């Protein structure tokens, strides 16, 4: 009788453990969200929103493939 009761308890705990592990979810939100981009005369601009910091970034890429992206402009939203 005790063996059967122990088996039922172990089975119940195993089921509960599997249920708890199945509930774990990983938050996979993007760090920044692109808002819009524009380009004129070989210079490109893009705006990004960071929901964690409630901040908007303005980035610029110049002419040519060797230019790097500059994200110097930044403002926090209220």
N, C-alpha and C. Protein backbone atom coordinates (compact mmCIF):
# COMPACT_ATOMS: atom_id res chain seq x y z
N UNK A 1 0.82 -1.20 0.00
CA UNK A 1 0.00 0.00 0.00
C UNK A 1 0.87 1.27 0.00
N UNK A 2 1.93 1.25 0.80
CA UNK A 2 2.81 2.42 0.88
C UNK A 2 3.55 2.61 -0.44
N UNK A 3 3.89 1.50 -1.10
CA UNK A 3 4.59 1.59 -2.38
C UNK A 3 3.69 2.26 -3.43
N UNK A 4 2.43 1.90 -3.42
CA UNK A 4 1.49 2.49 -4.38
C UNK A 4 1.30 3.98 -4.09
N UNK A 5 1.17 4.31 -2.81
CA UNK A 5 1.02 5.73 -2.43
C UNK A 5 2.26 6.53 -2.81
N UNK A 6 3.44 5.97 -2.59
CA UNK A 6 4.69 6.64 -2.97
C UNK A 6 4.77 6.82 -4.48
N UNK A 7 4.35 5.81 -5.24
CA UNK A 7 4.35 5.90 -6.69
C UNK A 7 3.40 6.99 -7.18
N UNK A 8 2.23 7.10 -6.57
CA UNK A 8 1.26 8.13 -6.95
C UNK A 8 1.82 9.53 -6.64
N UNK A 9 2.46 9.69 -5.48
CA UNK A 9 3.03 10.98 -5.11
C UNK A 9 4.16 11.36 -6.07
N UNK A 10 5.03 10.42 -6.40
CA UNK A 10 6.12 10.69 -7.34
C UNK A 10 5.56 11.06 -8.72
N UNK A 11 4.54 10.35 -9.17
CA UNK A 11 3.94 10.66 -10.46
C UNK A 11 3.31 12.05 -10.46
N UNK A 12 2.63 12.42 -9.36
CA UNK A 12 2.02 13.74 -9.26
C UNK A 12 3.09 14.84 -9.26
N UNK A 13 4.15 14.63 -8.51
CA UNK A 13 5.23 15.62 -8.47
C UNK A 13 5.94 15.74 -9.82
N UNK A 14 6.10 14.65 -10.51
CA UNK A 14 6.71 14.68 -11.84
C UNK A 14 5.83 15.46 -12.82
N UNK A 15 4.53 15.22 -12.78
CA UNK A 15 3.61 15.95 -13.63
C UNK A 15 3.62 17.43 -13.33
N UNK A 16 3.64 17.79 -12.06
CA UNK A 16 3.66 19.20 -11.66
C UNK A 16 4.96 19.85 -12.12
N UNK A 17 6.08 19.15 -11.99
CA UNK A 17 7.38 19.68 -12.42
C UNK A 17 7.39 19.94 -13.92
N UNK A 18 6.88 19.00 -14.70
CA UNK A 18 6.80 19.20 -16.15
C UNK A 18 5.89 20.37 -16.50
N UNK A 19 4.81 20.54 -15.78
CA UNK A 19 3.89 21.66 -16.01
C UNK A 19 4.58 22.99 -15.73
N UNK A 20 5.34 23.08 -14.63
CA UNK A 20 6.04 24.32 -14.27
C UNK A 20 7.11 24.64 -15.30
N UNK A 21 7.86 23.64 -15.73
CA UNK A 21 8.92 23.88 -16.72
C UNK A 21 8.34 24.29 -18.07
N UNK A 22 7.17 23.80 -18.41
CA UNK A 22 6.55 24.15 -19.69
C UNK A 22 6.03 25.58 -19.70
N UNK A 23 5.83 26.18 -18.55
CA UNK A 23 5.30 27.54 -18.47
C UNK A 23 6.37 28.61 -18.67
N UNK A 24 7.64 28.26 -18.58
CA UNK A 24 8.72 29.25 -18.71
C UNK A 24 8.75 29.78 -20.13
N UNK A 25 8.74 31.09 -20.25
CA UNK A 25 8.80 31.74 -21.56
C UNK A 25 9.92 32.76 -21.55
N UNK A 26 10.61 32.87 -22.66
CA UNK A 26 11.69 33.84 -22.79
C UNK A 26 11.16 35.04 -23.56
N UNK A 27 11.43 36.23 -23.05
CA UNK A 27 11.00 37.46 -23.71
C UNK A 27 11.95 37.74 -24.87
N UNK A 28 11.43 37.72 -26.09
CA UNK A 28 12.27 37.87 -27.27
C UNK A 28 11.96 39.15 -28.04
N UNK A 29 11.67 40.22 -27.32
CA UNK A 29 11.41 41.48 -28.01
C UNK A 29 12.70 42.06 -28.57
N UNK A 30 12.58 42.78 -29.65
CA UNK A 30 13.75 43.44 -30.24
C UNK A 30 14.22 44.56 -29.34
N UNK A 31 15.52 44.80 -29.35
CA UNK A 31 16.08 45.86 -28.52
C UNK A 31 15.59 47.22 -28.99
N UNK A 32 15.62 47.45 -30.27
CA UNK A 32 15.09 48.69 -30.84
C UNK A 32 14.17 48.34 -32.00
N UNK A 33 13.21 49.21 -32.23
CA UNK A 33 12.24 49.00 -33.31
C UNK A 33 12.44 50.07 -34.37
N UNK A 34 12.62 49.70 -35.63
CA UNK A 34 12.75 50.72 -36.67
C UNK A 34 11.43 51.46 -36.86
N UNK A 35 11.51 52.77 -36.97
CA UNK A 35 10.30 53.58 -37.16
C UNK A 35 10.14 53.91 -38.64
N UNK A 36 11.15 54.60 -39.19
CA UNK A 36 11.08 55.02 -40.59
C UNK A 36 12.50 55.29 -41.08
N UNK A 37 12.67 55.30 -42.38
CA UNK A 37 13.97 55.64 -42.96
C UNK A 37 13.74 56.51 -44.19
N UNK A 38 14.76 57.30 -44.52
CA UNK A 38 14.68 58.12 -45.72
C UNK A 38 16.08 58.30 -46.28
N UNK A 39 16.15 58.70 -47.55
CA UNK A 39 17.44 58.86 -48.20
C UNK A 39 17.34 59.97 -49.22
N UNK A 40 18.42 60.75 -49.33
CA UNK A 40 18.46 61.84 -50.30
C UNK A 40 19.92 62.14 -50.61
N UNK A 41 20.24 62.25 -51.88
CA UNK A 41 21.59 62.59 -52.35
C UNK A 41 22.65 61.66 -51.74
N UNK A 42 22.35 60.40 -51.60
CA UNK A 42 23.32 59.43 -51.12
C UNK A 42 23.50 59.38 -49.61
N UNK A 43 22.74 60.17 -48.88
CA UNK A 43 22.82 60.14 -47.42
C UNK A 43 21.52 59.54 -46.90
N UNK A 44 21.62 58.52 -46.05
CA UNK A 44 20.44 57.83 -45.54
C UNK A 44 20.25 58.13 -44.06
N UNK A 45 19.01 58.27 -43.66
CA UNK A 45 18.65 58.48 -42.27
C UNK A 45 17.67 57.39 -41.85
N UNK A 46 17.77 56.97 -40.59
CA UNK A 46 16.83 55.99 -40.05
C UNK A 46 16.54 56.37 -38.60
N UNK A 47 15.30 56.16 -38.19
CA UNK A 47 14.89 56.46 -36.83
C UNK A 47 14.49 55.16 -36.15
N UNK A 48 14.95 54.99 -34.93
CA UNK A 48 14.68 53.78 -34.16
C UNK A 48 14.10 54.15 -32.80
N UNK A 49 13.24 53.29 -32.27
CA UNK A 49 12.62 53.49 -30.95
C UNK A 49 13.03 52.37 -30.03
N UNK A 50 13.53 52.73 -28.83
CA UNK A 50 13.91 51.76 -27.80
C UNK A 50 12.84 51.78 -26.71
N UNK A 51 11.95 50.77 -26.66
CA UNK A 51 10.86 50.80 -25.68
C UNK A 51 11.34 50.64 -24.23
N UNK A 52 12.49 50.02 -24.01
CA UNK A 52 12.99 49.84 -22.64
C UNK A 52 13.37 51.17 -22.02
N UNK A 53 13.96 52.07 -22.82
CA UNK A 53 14.38 53.38 -22.31
C UNK A 53 13.46 54.51 -22.77
N UNK A 54 12.44 54.18 -23.56
CA UNK A 54 11.53 55.18 -24.13
C UNK A 54 12.32 56.28 -24.82
N UNK A 55 13.22 55.86 -25.72
CA UNK A 55 14.14 56.76 -26.39
C UNK A 55 14.05 56.57 -27.90
N UNK A 56 14.18 57.68 -28.63
CA UNK A 56 14.22 57.64 -30.09
C UNK A 56 15.63 58.01 -30.54
N UNK A 57 16.18 57.21 -31.48
CA UNK A 57 17.51 57.46 -32.02
C UNK A 57 17.39 57.83 -33.49
N UNK A 58 18.18 58.81 -33.92
CA UNK A 58 18.27 59.18 -35.33
C UNK A 58 19.66 58.81 -35.81
N UNK A 59 19.73 57.97 -36.84
CA UNK A 59 21.02 57.48 -37.33
C UNK A 59 21.22 57.93 -38.77
N UNK A 60 22.51 58.12 -39.14
CA UNK A 60 22.85 58.59 -40.48
C UNK A 60 23.94 57.72 -41.06
N UNK A 61 23.80 57.39 -42.33
CA UNK A 61 24.84 56.68 -43.07
C UNK A 61 25.17 57.53 -44.29
N UNK A 62 26.45 57.84 -44.46
CA UNK A 62 26.87 58.72 -45.54
C UNK A 62 27.02 58.01 -46.86
N UNK A 63 27.62 58.72 -47.83
CA UNK A 63 27.81 58.18 -49.16
C UNK A 63 28.93 57.15 -49.14
N UNK A 64 28.84 56.18 -50.02
CA UNK A 64 29.88 55.16 -50.14
C UNK A 64 29.67 54.01 -49.17
N UNK A 65 30.24 52.88 -49.50
CA UNK A 65 30.07 51.69 -48.67
C UNK A 65 30.97 51.67 -47.44
N UNK A 66 32.03 52.49 -47.42
CA UNK A 66 32.98 52.45 -46.31
C UNK A 66 32.52 53.29 -45.11
N UNK A 67 31.53 54.13 -45.30
CA UNK A 67 31.06 54.97 -44.21
C UNK A 67 30.35 54.14 -43.15
N UNK A 68 30.54 54.53 -41.91
CA UNK A 68 29.87 53.83 -40.81
C UNK A 68 28.57 54.53 -40.49
N UNK A 69 27.74 53.84 -39.74
CA UNK A 69 26.46 54.40 -39.31
C UNK A 69 26.70 55.20 -38.02
N UNK A 70 26.22 56.44 -37.99
CA UNK A 70 26.35 57.29 -36.81
C UNK A 70 24.98 57.48 -36.19
N UNK A 71 24.87 57.18 -34.90
CA UNK A 71 23.62 57.37 -34.16
C UNK A 71 23.89 58.32 -32.98
N UNK A 72 24.12 59.58 -33.28
CA UNK A 72 24.48 60.55 -32.25
C UNK A 72 23.25 61.23 -31.66
N UNK A 73 22.23 61.45 -32.47
CA UNK A 73 21.04 62.17 -32.00
C UNK A 73 20.15 61.20 -31.21
N UNK A 74 19.72 61.63 -30.04
CA UNK A 74 18.91 60.77 -29.17
C UNK A 74 18.04 61.66 -28.31
N UNK A 75 16.79 61.27 -28.12
CA UNK A 75 15.90 62.01 -27.25
C UNK A 75 15.01 61.06 -26.48
N UNK A 76 14.77 61.39 -25.22
CA UNK A 76 13.91 60.55 -24.37
C UNK A 76 12.48 61.07 -24.44
N UNK A 77 11.54 60.18 -24.51
CA UNK A 77 10.13 60.55 -24.56
C UNK A 77 9.59 60.68 -23.13
N UNK A 78 8.61 61.56 -22.95
CA UNK A 78 8.04 61.72 -21.60
C UNK A 78 7.25 60.51 -21.16
